[in-house]
C-alpha atoms as a PDB file:
ATOM      1  CA  UNK A   1     -22.786  83.789 -23.992  1.00  0.00           C
ATOM      2  CA  UNK A   2     -26.439  83.787 -23.665  1.00  0.00           C
ATOM      3  CA  UNK A   3     -28.327  82.638 -20.707  1.00  0.00           C
ATOM      4  CA  UNK A   4     -29.674  79.733 -23.111  1.00  0.00           C
ATOM      5  CA  UNK A   5     -26.384  78.278 -23.974  1.00  0.00           C
ATOM      6  CA  UNK A   6     -25.224  78.708 -20.646  1.00  0.00           C
ATOM      7  CA  UNK A   7     -27.736  77.202 -19.491  1.00  0.00           C
ATOM      8  CA  UNK A   8     -27.127  74.512 -22.144  1.00  0.00           C
ATOM      9  CA  UNK A   9     -23.638  74.162 -21.405  1.00  0.00           C
ATOM     10  CA  UNK A  10     -24.046  73.510 -17.555  1.00  0.00           C
ATOM     11  CA  UNK A  11     -26.637  70.980 -18.143  1.00  0.00           C
ATOM     12  CA  UNK A  12     -24.070  69.187 -19.922  1.00  0.00           C
ATOM     13  CA  UNK A  13     -21.264  69.110 -17.094  1.00  0.00           C
ATOM     14  CA  UNK A  14     -23.726  67.819 -14.466  1.00  0.00           C
ATOM     15  CA  UNK A  15     -24.502  65.435 -17.062  1.00  0.00           C
ATOM     16  CA  UNK A  16     -21.044  64.511 -17.900  1.00  0.00           C
ATOM     17  CA  UNK A  17     -20.223  63.746 -13.731  1.00  0.00           C
ATOM     18  CA  UNK A  18     -23.101  61.747 -13.123  1.00  0.00           C
ATOM     19  CA  UNK A  19     -22.170  59.767 -15.866  1.00  0.00           C
ATOM     20  CA  UNK A  20     -18.049  59.573 -14.902  1.00  0.00           C
ATOM     21  CA  UNK A  21     -19.863  59.194 -10.913  1.00  0.00           C
ATOM     22  CA  UNK A  22     -21.876  56.067 -12.006  1.00  0.00           C
ATOM     23  CA  UNK A  23     -18.864  53.954 -13.786  1.00  0.00           C
ATOM     24  CA  UNK A  24     -16.504  54.966 -10.510  1.00  0.00           C
ATOM     25  CA  UNK A  25     -19.213  53.207  -8.283  1.00  0.00           C
ATOM     26  CA  UNK A  26     -19.578  50.195 -10.926  1.00  0.00           C
ATOM     27  CA  UNK A  27     -16.350  49.514 -10.848  1.00  0.00           C
ATOM     28  CA  UNK A  28     -15.764  50.037  -7.463  1.00  0.00           C
ATOM     29  CA  UNK A  29     -18.803  47.248  -6.397  1.00  0.00           C
ATOM     30  CA  UNK A  30     -16.653  44.995  -9.174  1.00  0.00           C
ATOM     31  CA  UNK A  31     -13.726  44.821  -7.455  1.00  0.00           C
ATOM     32  CA  UNK A  32     -15.137  43.684  -4.184  1.00  0.00           C
ATOM     33  CA  UNK A  33     -17.723  41.376  -5.495  1.00  0.00           C
ATOM     34  CA  UNK A  34     -18.119  38.247  -3.942  1.00  0.00           C
ATOM     35  CA  UNK A  35     -17.999  36.960  -7.297  1.00  0.00           C
ATOM     36  CA  UNK A  36     -15.724  39.352  -9.426  1.00  0.00           C
ATOM     37  CA  UNK A  37     -13.409  38.347 -11.767  1.00  0.00           C
ATOM     38  CA  UNK A  38     -10.657  40.809 -10.037  1.00  0.00           C
ATOM     39  CA  UNK A  39     -10.938  39.213  -7.040  1.00  0.00           C
ATOM     40  CA  UNK A  40     -10.313  35.566  -8.081  1.00  0.00           C
ATOM     41  CA  UNK A  41      -7.368  37.411  -9.855  1.00  0.00           C
ATOM     42  CA  UNK A  42      -5.867  39.376  -7.219  1.00  0.00           C
ATOM     43  CA  UNK A  43      -6.478  36.006  -5.009  1.00  0.00           C
ATOM     44  CA  UNK A  44      -4.939  33.355  -6.859  1.00  0.00           C
ATOM     45  CA  UNK A  45      -2.076  35.570  -7.725  1.00  0.00           C
ATOM     46  CA  UNK A  46      -1.452  35.369  -3.959  1.00  0.00           C
ATOM     47  CA  UNK A  47      -2.493  32.164  -2.613  1.00  0.00           C
ATOM     48  CA  UNK A  48      -2.256  28.514  -3.473  1.00  0.00           C
ATOM     49  CA  UNK A  49      -5.770  26.880  -4.610  1.00  0.00           C
ATOM     50  CA  UNK A  50      -7.080  24.887  -2.520  1.00  0.00           C
ATOM     51  CA  UNK A  51      -6.629  21.187  -3.734  1.00  0.00           C
ATOM     52  CA  UNK A  52     -10.181  20.530  -2.026  1.00  0.00           C
ATOM     53  CA  UNK A  53     -13.683  21.594  -0.833  1.00  0.00           C
ATOM     54  CA  UNK A  54     -13.659  23.235   2.513  1.00  0.00           C
ATOM     55  CA  UNK A  55     -16.115  24.586   4.561  1.00  0.00           C
ATOM     56  CA  UNK A  56     -16.718  27.624   6.727  1.00  0.00           C
ATOM     57  CA  UNK A  57     -14.190  26.158   9.606  1.00  0.00           C
ATOM     58  CA  UNK A  58     -11.581  25.266   7.687  1.00  0.00           C
ATOM     59  CA  UNK A  59     -12.493  21.426   7.739  1.00  0.00           C
ATOM     60  CA  UNK A  60     -13.268  19.846   3.747  1.00  0.00           C
ATOM     61  CA  UNK A  61     -15.997  19.143   3.021  1.00  0.00           C
ATOM     62  CA  UNK A  62     -18.295  15.654   3.598  1.00  0.00           C
ATOM     63  CA  UNK A  63     -18.015  15.061   0.127  1.00  0.00           C
ATOM     64  CA  UNK A  64     -14.063  14.883   0.209  1.00  0.00           C
ATOM     65  CA  UNK A  65     -14.009  13.503   3.515  1.00  0.00           C
ATOM     66  CA  UNK A  66     -16.092  10.221   3.051  1.00  0.00           C
ATOM     67  CA  UNK A  67     -13.840   9.920  -0.128  1.00  0.00           C
ATOM     68  CA  UNK A  68     -10.727   9.503   1.981  1.00  0.00           C
ATOM     69  CA  UNK A  69     -12.513   7.323   4.124  1.00  0.00           C
ATOM     70  CA  UNK A  70     -11.165   3.940   5.137  1.00  0.00           C
ATOM     71  CA  UNK A  71     -14.398   2.244   4.447  1.00  0.00           C
ATOM     72  CA  UNK A  72     -14.726   3.806   0.489  1.00  0.00           C
ATOM     73  CA  UNK A  73     -11.276   2.746  -0.123  1.00  0.00           C
ATOM     74  CA  UNK A  74     -11.679  -0.805   0.960  1.00  0.00           C
ATOM     75  CA  UNK A  75     -15.022  -0.235  -0.467  1.00  0.00           C
ATOM     76  CA  UNK A  76     -13.583   0.809  -4.381  1.00  0.00           C
ATOM     77  CA  UNK A  77     -10.671  -2.060  -3.844  1.00  0.00           C
ATOM     78  CA  UNK A  78     -12.841  -4.783  -3.408  1.00  0.00           C
ATOM     79  CA  UNK A  79     -14.539  -3.866  -6.091  1.00  0.00           C
ATOM     80  CA  UNK A  80     -12.220  -3.721  -8.442  1.00  0.00           C
ATOM     81  CA  UNK A  81     -11.560  -7.357  -7.904  1.00  0.00           C
ATOM     82  CA  UNK A  82     -14.329  -7.772  -9.951  1.00  0.00           C
ATOM     83  CA  UNK A  83     -13.524  -6.149 -12.556  1.00  0.00           C
ATOM     84  CA  UNK A  84      -9.865  -7.516 -14.525  1.00  0.00           C
ATOM     85  CA  UNK A  85      -9.635  -5.104 -17.155  1.00  0.00           C
ATOM     86  CA  UNK A  86      -9.165  -2.585 -14.912  1.00  0.00           C
ATOM     87  CA  UNK A  87      -6.233  -4.341 -12.980  1.00  0.00           C
ATOM     88  CA  UNK A  88      -2.622  -3.454 -13.560  1.00  0.00           C
ATOM     89  CA  UNK A  89      -0.976  -7.025 -14.218  1.00  0.00           C
ATOM     90  CA  UNK A  90       1.614  -5.329 -15.990  1.00  0.00           C
ATOM     91  CA  UNK A  91       2.867  -2.697 -12.930  1.00  0.00           C
ATOM     92  CA  UNK A  92       1.674  -6.497 -10.393  1.00  0.00           C
ATOM     93  CA  UNK A  93       4.593  -7.999 -12.918  1.00  0.00           C
ATOM     94  CA  UNK A  94       6.761  -5.287 -12.214  1.00  0.00           C
ATOM     95  CA  UNK A  95       6.532  -5.197  -8.484  1.00  0.00           C
ATOM     96  CA  UNK A  96       7.383  -8.573  -8.309  1.00  0.00           C
ATOM     97  CA  UNK A  97      10.197  -8.755  -9.955  1.00  0.00           C
ATOM     98  CA  UNK A  98      11.625  -6.183  -8.422  1.00  0.00           C
ATOM     99  CA  UNK A  99      10.953  -7.068  -4.426  1.00  0.00           C
ATOM    100  CA  UNK A 100      14.141  -9.418  -5.744  1.00  0.00           C
ATOM    101  CA  UNK A 101      15.822  -7.325  -6.973  1.00  0.00           C
ATOM    102  CA  UNK A 102      15.346  -3.369  -5.608  1.00  0.00           C
ATOM    103  CA  UNK A 103      12.371  -3.920  -2.984  1.00  0.00           C
ATOM    104  CA  UNK A 104      13.514   0.141  -1.706  1.00  0.00           C
ATOM    105  CA  UNK A 105      12.221   0.841  -5.692  1.00  0.00           C
ATOM    106  CA  UNK A 106       8.735  -1.054  -5.302  1.00  0.00           C
ATOM    107  CA  UNK A 107       8.108   1.116  -1.684  1.00  0.00           C
ATOM    108  CA  UNK A 108       8.835   4.401  -3.397  1.00  0.00           C
ATOM    109  CA  UNK A 109       6.308   4.080  -5.508  1.00  0.00           C
ATOM    110  CA  UNK A 110       3.792   4.057  -2.370  1.00  0.00           C
ATOM    111  CA  UNK A 111       5.221   7.265  -1.922  1.00  0.00           C
ATOM    112  CA  UNK A 112       4.259   8.065  -5.437  1.00  0.00           C
ATOM    113  CA  UNK A 113       0.115   7.053  -5.102  1.00  0.00           C
ATOM    114  CA  UNK A 114      -0.036   8.814  -1.207  1.00  0.00           C
ATOM    115  CA  UNK A 115       1.273  12.368  -3.341  1.00  0.00           C
ATOM    116  CA  UNK A 116      -1.317  11.418  -6.215  1.00  0.00           C
ATOM    117  CA  UNK A 117      -3.805   9.728  -4.523  1.00  0.00           C
ATOM    118  CA  UNK A 118      -3.252  10.163  -0.567  1.00  0.00           C
ATOM    119  CA  UNK A 119      -3.500   6.704  -0.092  1.00  0.00           C
ATOM    120  CA  UNK A 120      -0.507   4.529   0.992  1.00  0.00           C
ATOM    121  CA  UNK A 121      -2.464   1.675   0.030  1.00  0.00           C
ATOM    122  CA  UNK A 122      -2.599  -0.093  -3.035  1.00  0.00           C
ATOM    123  CA  UNK A 123      -6.250   0.692  -4.467  1.00  0.00           C
ATOM    124  CA  UNK A 124      -5.468  -2.685  -7.430  1.00  0.00           C
ATOM    125  CA  UNK A 125      -5.688  -5.791  -5.828  1.00  0.00           C
ATOM    126  CA  UNK A 126      -3.621  -7.162  -9.172  1.00  0.00           C
ATOM    127  CA  UNK A 127      -0.889  -7.837  -6.926  1.00  0.00           C
ATOM    128  CA  UNK A 128      -3.191 -10.303  -4.361  1.00  0.00           C
ATOM    129  CA  UNK A 129      -5.089 -11.764  -7.633  1.00  0.00           C
ATOM    130  CA  UNK A 130      -1.453 -12.460  -9.224  1.00  0.00           C
ATOM    131  CA  UNK A 131      -0.100 -14.045  -5.954  1.00  0.00           C
ATOM    132  CA  UNK A 132      -3.080 -15.745  -5.318  1.00  0.00           C
ATOM    133  CA  UNK A 133      -2.265 -17.438  -8.810  1.00  0.00           C
ATOM    134  CA  UNK A 134       1.533 -17.912  -8.078  1.00  0.00           C
ATOM    135  CA  UNK A 135       0.145 -19.580  -4.179  1.00  0.00           C
ATOM    136  CA  UNK A 136      -2.536 -21.951  -6.080  1.00  0.00           C
ATOM    137  CA  UNK A 137       0.588 -23.190  -8.421  1.00  0.00           C
ATOM    138  CA  UNK A 138       3.071 -24.190  -5.778  1.00  0.00           C
ATOM    139  CA  UNK A 139       0.462 -25.555  -3.556  1.00  0.00           C
ATOM    140  CA  UNK A 140      -0.264 -28.294  -6.594  1.00  0.00           C
ATOM    141  CA  UNK A 141       3.204 -28.358  -7.133  1.00  0.00           C
ATOM    142  CA  UNK A 142       3.387 -29.621  -3.665  1.00  0.00           C
ATOM    143  CA  UNK A 143       0.722 -32.495  -4.285  1.00  0.00           C
ATOM    144  CA  UNK A 144       2.647 -33.707  -6.932  1.00  0.00           C
ATOM    145  CA  UNK A 145       5.285 -33.675  -5.199  1.00  0.00           C
ATOM    146  CA  UNK A 146       4.406 -35.257  -2.100  1.00  0.00           C
ATOM    147  CA  UNK A 147       2.177 -38.223  -4.150  1.00  0.00           C
ATOM    148  CA  UNK A 148      -1.095 -36.569  -2.728  1.00  0.00           C
ATOM    149  CA  UNK A 149      -4.862 -37.495  -4.322  1.00  0.00           C
ATOM    150  CA  UNK A 150      -6.895 -34.830  -5.883  1.00  0.00           C
ATOM    151  CA  UNK A 151      -8.858 -34.436  -2.777  1.00  0.00           C
ATOM    152  CA  UNK A 152      -5.463 -33.895  -0.600  1.00  0.00           C
ATOM    153  CA  UNK A 153      -4.063 -31.849  -3.403  1.00  0.00           C
ATOM    154  CA  UNK A 154      -7.424 -29.472  -2.846  1.00  0.00           C
ATOM    155  CA  UNK A 155      -7.617 -29.527   0.485  1.00  0.00           C
ATOM    156  CA  UNK A 156      -3.911 -28.879   0.839  1.00  0.00           C
ATOM    157  CA  UNK A 157      -4.818 -25.502  -1.514  1.00  0.00           C
ATOM    158  CA  UNK A 158      -8.438 -24.609   0.487  1.00  0.00           C
ATOM    159  CA  UNK A 159      -5.957 -24.636   3.294  1.00  0.00           C
ATOM    160  CA  UNK A 160      -2.972 -22.672   2.234  1.00  0.00           C
ATOM    161  CA  UNK A 161      -5.048 -20.198   0.595  1.00  0.00           C
ATOM    162  CA  UNK A 162      -7.822 -19.398   3.409  1.00  0.00           C
ATOM    163  CA  UNK A 163      -5.380 -19.693   6.410  1.00  0.00           C
ATOM    164  CA  UNK A 164      -1.539 -19.523   5.348  1.00  0.00           C
ATOM    165  CA  UNK A 165      -2.068 -17.030   3.612  1.00  0.00           C
ATOM    166  CA  UNK A 166      -5.329 -14.898   4.217  1.00  0.00           C
ATOM    167  CA  UNK A 167      -6.111 -15.684   7.756  1.00  0.00           C
ATOM    168  CA  UNK A 168      -2.418 -15.718   9.005  1.00  0.00           C
ATOM    169  CA  UNK A 169      -1.816 -12.274   6.722  1.00  0.00           C
ATOM    170  CA  UNK A 170      -4.647 -10.410   8.670  1.00  0.00           C
ATOM    171  CA  UNK A 171      -3.435 -11.369  11.951  1.00  0.00           C
ATOM    172  CA  UNK A 172       0.006  -9.875  11.103  1.00  0.00           C
ATOM    173  CA  UNK A 173      -0.811  -6.934   9.604  1.00  0.00           C
ATOM    174  CA  UNK A 174      -3.487  -6.462  12.630  1.00  0.00           C
ATOM    175  CA  UNK A 175      -0.306  -6.598  14.640  1.00  0.00           C
ATOM    176  CA  UNK A 176       1.656  -4.336  12.862  1.00  0.00           C
ATOM    177  CA  UNK A 177      -1.307  -1.634  12.264  1.00  0.00           C
ATOM    178  CA  UNK A 178      -1.580  -1.771  16.034  1.00  0.00           C
ATOM    179  CA  UNK A 179       2.165  -2.100  17.318  1.00  0.00           C
ATOM    180  CA  UNK A 180       3.352   0.723  14.603  1.00  0.00           C
ATOM    181  CA  UNK A 181       0.854   2.898  15.398  1.00  0.00           C
ATOM    182  CA  UNK A 182       1.063   3.048  19.274  1.00  0.00           C
ATOM    183  CA  UNK A 183       5.057   2.192  19.381  1.00  0.00           C
ATOM    184  CA  UNK A 184       6.762   3.481  15.943  1.00  0.00           C
ATOM    185  CA  UNK A 185       4.819   7.092  15.948  1.00  0.00           C
ATOM    186  CA  UNK A 186       7.003   9.910  15.819  1.00  0.00           C
ATOM    187  CA  UNK A 187       3.967  12.328  17.626  1.00  0.00           C
ATOM    188  CA  UNK A 188       0.412  10.742  18.129  1.00  0.00           C
ATOM    189  CA  UNK A 189      -1.965  12.532  15.671  1.00  0.00           C
ATOM    190  CA  UNK A 190      -4.782  11.632  14.068  1.00  0.00           C
ATOM    191  CA  UNK A 191      -3.498  13.212  10.986  1.00  0.00           C
ATOM    192  CA  UNK A 192      -0.412  10.861  10.387  1.00  0.00           C
ATOM    193  CA  UNK A 193      -1.089   7.147  11.055  1.00  0.00           C
ATOM    194  CA  UNK A 194      -0.093   3.703   9.613  1.00  0.00           C
ATOM    195  CA  UNK A 195      -3.331   2.714   7.625  1.00  0.00           C
ATOM    196  CA  UNK A 196      -4.795  -1.088   7.840  1.00  0.00           C
ATOM    197  CA  UNK A 197      -4.443  -1.634   4.299  1.00  0.00           C
ATOM    198  CA  UNK A 198      -0.904  -0.011   4.143  1.00  0.00           C
ATOM    199  CA  UNK A 199      -0.191  -2.818   6.429  1.00  0.00           C
ATOM    200  CA  UNK A 200      -1.580  -5.533   4.572  1.00  0.00           C
ATOM    201  CA  UNK A 201       0.506  -4.429   1.886  1.00  0.00           C
ATOM    202  CA  UNK A 202       3.895  -4.970   3.951  1.00  0.00           C
ATOM    203  CA  UNK A 203       2.706  -8.043   4.605  1.00  0.00           C
ATOM    204  CA  UNK A 204       1.740 -10.002   0.929  1.00  0.00           C
ATOM    205  CA  UNK A 205       5.306  -7.741  -0.391  1.00  0.00           C
ATOM    206  CA  UNK A 206       7.162  -9.512   2.207  1.00  0.00           C
ATOM    207  CA  UNK A 207       5.155 -12.801   1.657  1.00  0.00           C
ATOM    208  CA  UNK A 208       5.692 -13.000  -1.869  1.00  0.00           C
ATOM    209  CA  UNK A 209       8.940 -13.821  -1.748  1.00  0.00           C
ATOM    210  CA  UNK A 210       9.262 -15.750   0.979  1.00  0.00           C
ATOM    211  CA  UNK A 211       6.048 -18.117  -1.157  1.00  0.00           C
ATOM    212  CA  UNK A 212       8.206 -18.133  -4.331  1.00  0.00           C
ATOM    213  CA  UNK A 213      11.199 -19.753  -1.893  1.00  0.00           C
ATOM    214  CA  UNK A 214      10.058 -22.036  -0.226  1.00  0.00           C
ATOM    215  CA  UNK A 215       6.957 -23.116  -2.095  1.00  0.00           C
ATOM    216  CA  UNK A 216       8.665 -22.871  -5.262  1.00  0.00           C
ATOM    217  CA  UNK A 217      12.411 -23.070  -5.899  1.00  0.00           C
ATOM    218  CA  UNK A 218      11.837 -26.110  -3.022  1.00  0.00           C
ATOM    219  CA  UNK A 219       9.910 -28.486  -4.284  1.00  0.00           C
ATOM    220  CA  UNK A 220      13.190 -29.317  -6.632  1.00  0.00           C
ATOM    221  CA  UNK A 221      15.330 -30.297  -4.224  1.00  0.00           C
ATOM    222  CA  UNK A 222      12.626 -32.438  -2.043  1.00  0.00           C
ATOM    223  CA  UNK A 223      13.279 -35.727  -3.584  1.00  0.00           C
ATOM    224  CA  UNK A 224      15.258 -34.345  -6.523  1.00  0.00           C
ATOM    225  CA  UNK A 225      19.347 -33.172  -7.281  1.00  0.00           C
ATOM    226  CA  UNK A 226      20.238 -32.564  -2.990  1.00  0.00           C
ATOM    227  CA  UNK A 227      17.020 -34.671  -1.672  1.00  0.00           C
ATOM    228  CA  UNK A 228      16.105 -32.319   1.131  1.00  0.00           C
ATOM    229  CA  UNK A 229      13.381 -34.815   2.797  1.00  0.00           C
ATOM    230  CA  UNK A 230      15.679 -36.575   3.918  1.00  0.00           C
ATOM    231  CA  UNK A 231      18.736 -37.073   7.602  1.00  0.00           C
ATOM    232  CA  UNK A 232      21.331 -36.571   6.049  1.00  0.00           C
ATOM    233  CA  UNK A 233      23.887 -33.290   6.502  1.00  0.00           C
ATOM    234  CA  UNK A 234      23.300 -31.634   3.113  1.00  0.00           C
ATOM    235  CA  UNK A 235      19.859 -32.328   2.782  1.00  0.00           C
ATOM    236  CA  UNK A 236      18.494 -30.271   5.690  1.00  0.00           C
ATOM    237  CA  UNK A 237      21.900 -28.106   5.952  1.00  0.00           C
ATOM    238  CA  UNK A 238      20.399 -26.529   2.108  1.00  0.00           C
ATOM    239  CA  UNK A 239      16.865 -26.978   3.507  1.00  0.00           C
ATOM    240  CA  UNK A 240      17.777 -24.649   6.592  1.00  0.00           C
ATOM    241  CA  UNK A 241      19.288 -22.292   4.195  1.00  0.00           C
ATOM    242  CA  UNK A 242      16.679 -21.305   2.054  1.00  0.00           C
ATOM    243  CA  UNK A 243      14.374 -20.829   5.597  1.00  0.00           C
ATOM    244  CA  UNK A 244      17.716 -18.557   6.658  1.00  0.00           C
ATOM    245  CA  UNK A 245      16.633 -16.477   3.123  1.00  0.00           C
ATOM    246  CA  UNK A 246      12.997 -17.220   3.074  1.00  0.00           C
ATOM    247  CA  UNK A 247      12.142 -15.302   6.044  1.00  0.00           C
ATOM    248  CA  UNK A 248      14.972 -12.795   6.170  1.00  0.00           C
ATOM    249  CA  UNK A 249      14.227 -11.773   2.467  1.00  0.00           C
ATOM    250  CA  UNK A 250      10.295 -11.721   4.916  1.00  0.00           C
ATOM    251  CA  UNK A 251      12.292  -9.797   7.642  1.00  0.00           C
ATOM    252  CA  UNK A 252      13.470  -7.113   5.664  1.00  0.00           C
ATOM    253  CA  UNK A 253      10.802  -6.140   3.404  1.00  0.00           C
ATOM    254  CA  UNK A 254       8.748  -5.088   6.298  1.00  0.00           C
ATOM    255  CA  UNK A 255      11.760  -3.464   8.003  1.00  0.00           C
ATOM    256  CA  UNK A 256      11.663  -1.280   4.367  1.00  0.00           C
ATOM    257  CA  UNK A 257       7.643  -1.203   4.182  1.00  0.00           C
ATOM    258  CA  UNK A 258       7.665   1.157   7.442  1.00  0.00           C
ATOM    259  CA  UNK A 259      10.632   2.363   7.437  1.00  0.00           C
ATOM    260  CA  UNK A 260       8.840   4.844   3.943  1.00  0.00           C
ATOM    261  CA  UNK A 261       7.131   6.033   6.808  1.00  0.00           C
ATOM    262  CA  UNK A 262       8.104   9.287   7.014  1.00  0.00           C
ATOM    263  CA  UNK A 263       6.054   9.803  10.792  1.00  0.00           C
ATOM    264  CA  UNK A 264       7.583   6.464  12.014  1.00  0.00           C
ATOM    265  CA  UNK A 265      11.003   6.507  13.698  1.00  0.00           C
ATOM    266  CA  UNK A 266      12.545   3.431  15.669  1.00  0.00           C
ATOM    267  CA  UNK A 267      12.564   0.935  12.511  1.00  0.00           C
ATOM    268  CA  UNK A 268      15.284  -0.062  12.765  1.00  0.00           C
ATOM    269  CA  UNK A 269      13.358  -2.506  16.044  1.00  0.00           C
ATOM    270  CA  UNK A 270      12.118  -4.803  13.327  1.00  0.00           C
ATOM    271  CA  UNK A 271      15.177  -5.424  12.360  1.00  0.00           C
ATOM    272  CA  UNK A 272      15.415  -7.331  16.023  1.00  0.00           C
ATOM    273  CA  UNK A 273      14.385 -10.790  14.797  1.00  0.00           C
ATOM    274  CA  UNK A 274      17.019 -11.559  12.976  1.00  0.00           C
ATOM    275  CA  UNK A 275      19.160 -12.306  15.318  1.00  0.00           C
ATOM    276  CA  UNK A 276      17.127 -15.103  16.649  1.00  0.00           C
ATOM    277  CA  UNK A 277      16.427 -16.120  13.350  1.00  0.00           C
ATOM    278  CA  UNK A 278      20.118 -16.536  12.916  1.00  0.00           C
ATOM    279  CA  UNK A 279      20.213 -18.407  16.579  1.00  0.00           C
ATOM    280  CA  UNK A 280      17.721 -20.431  15.610  1.00  0.00           C
ATOM    281  CA  UNK A 281      19.834 -21.432  12.190  1.00  0.00           C
ATOM    282  CA  UNK A 282      22.318 -22.991  13.728  1.00  0.00           C
ATOM    283  CA  UNK A 283      20.709 -24.203  16.475  1.00  0.00           C
ATOM    284  CA  UNK A 284      18.423 -26.105  13.539  1.00  0.00           C
ATOM    285  CA  UNK A 285      21.976 -27.102  11.396  1.00  0.00           C
ATOM    286  CA  UNK A 286      23.859 -28.602  14.514  1.00  0.00           C
ATOM    287  CA  UNK A 287      21.347 -30.999  16.073  1.00  0.00           C
ATOM    288  CA  UNK A 288      20.297 -31.912  13.025  1.00  0.00           C
ATOM    289  CA  UNK A 289      17.074 -30.043  12.196  1.00  0.00           C
ATOM    290  CA  UNK A 290      14.905 -30.603   9.455  1.00  0.00           C
ATOM    291  CA  UNK A 291      12.538 -27.610   8.806  1.00  0.00           C
ATOM    292  CA  UNK A 292      12.105 -28.790   5.085  1.00  0.00           C
ATOM    293  CA  UNK A 293      10.787 -32.837   6.220  1.00  0.00           C
ATOM    294  CA  UNK A 294       8.756 -31.080   9.139  1.00  0.00           C
ATOM    295  CA  UNK A 295       6.574 -28.842   6.740  1.00  0.00           C
ATOM    296  CA  UNK A 296       5.922 -31.973   4.528  1.00  0.00           C
ATOM    297  CA  UNK A 297       4.859 -33.927   7.098  1.00  0.00           C
ATOM    298  CA  UNK A 298       2.554 -30.690   8.822  1.00  0.00           C
ATOM    299  CA  UNK A 299       0.858 -30.649   4.535  1.00  0.00           C
ATOM    300  CA  UNK A 300       0.533 -34.573   4.606  1.00  0.00           C
ATOM    301  CA  UNK A 301      -1.031 -34.010   8.347  1.00  0.00           C
ATOM    302  CA  UNK A 302      -3.386 -31.590   7.648  1.00  0.00           C
ATOM    303  CA  UNK A 303      -5.294 -33.456   4.731  1.00  0.00           C
ATOM    304  CA  UNK A 304      -5.323 -36.522   6.622  1.00  0.00           C
END
């Protein structure tokens, strides 16, 4: 081998080793690059991908946190009130039917909403809209049965919608929201609490059967068939029994609503008013109290 050939072979070997070192350095730098696909694949294989973006301290990003605030949920709910085409009335009707036959299935859907939309309360006001329609129709029926004029019926409608339904509903929901968060939480924490919107939904769910029984079905018995609005025994027996069933439905569906929340305990206390309800019912039958007659008198008095 000549000197020239030896020099050429040495130069070639040096070039090959340089290229090899460069390739190894490139591959090693790719493996540690923050945005490298090799690192993303290895990490994703070991850890589940996060559902929300997080900042460096592990707290959800400001955009995700703002999306789940009570104000944002309330704004979204009220905004949908103006878009009837976006409301799911078929599903709302389904809920109304199952509140009579199997209310547990309605609350199982609330579980599904929590898993998919990260909130217990309804985000669709279709149920509230249909409930308002029921309330208006049944109140007009009361106006006809009680021989009220147009102005008196309109006054009664405003009273029933804004005071009996909305006003009383806001009051009861707020009381239940405070009581459950203060006394029924398993472990008081910011991560687990009863949403006010959910408390209002529970009230609406329980109020609907009560509305149908007392404000619709009872209309056919006030002046006809049994004549509830009278002093004879069968009249106030049937009338007071409908009140017992309606209020019992309200208490039971309210209990189911809060019992469905996994972070509450001792929800059985919400069934204790049943004892008082039965006691008042027995006294009313024994003493001849007629709750339906009192309701009719109260409706006439408030619109005078």
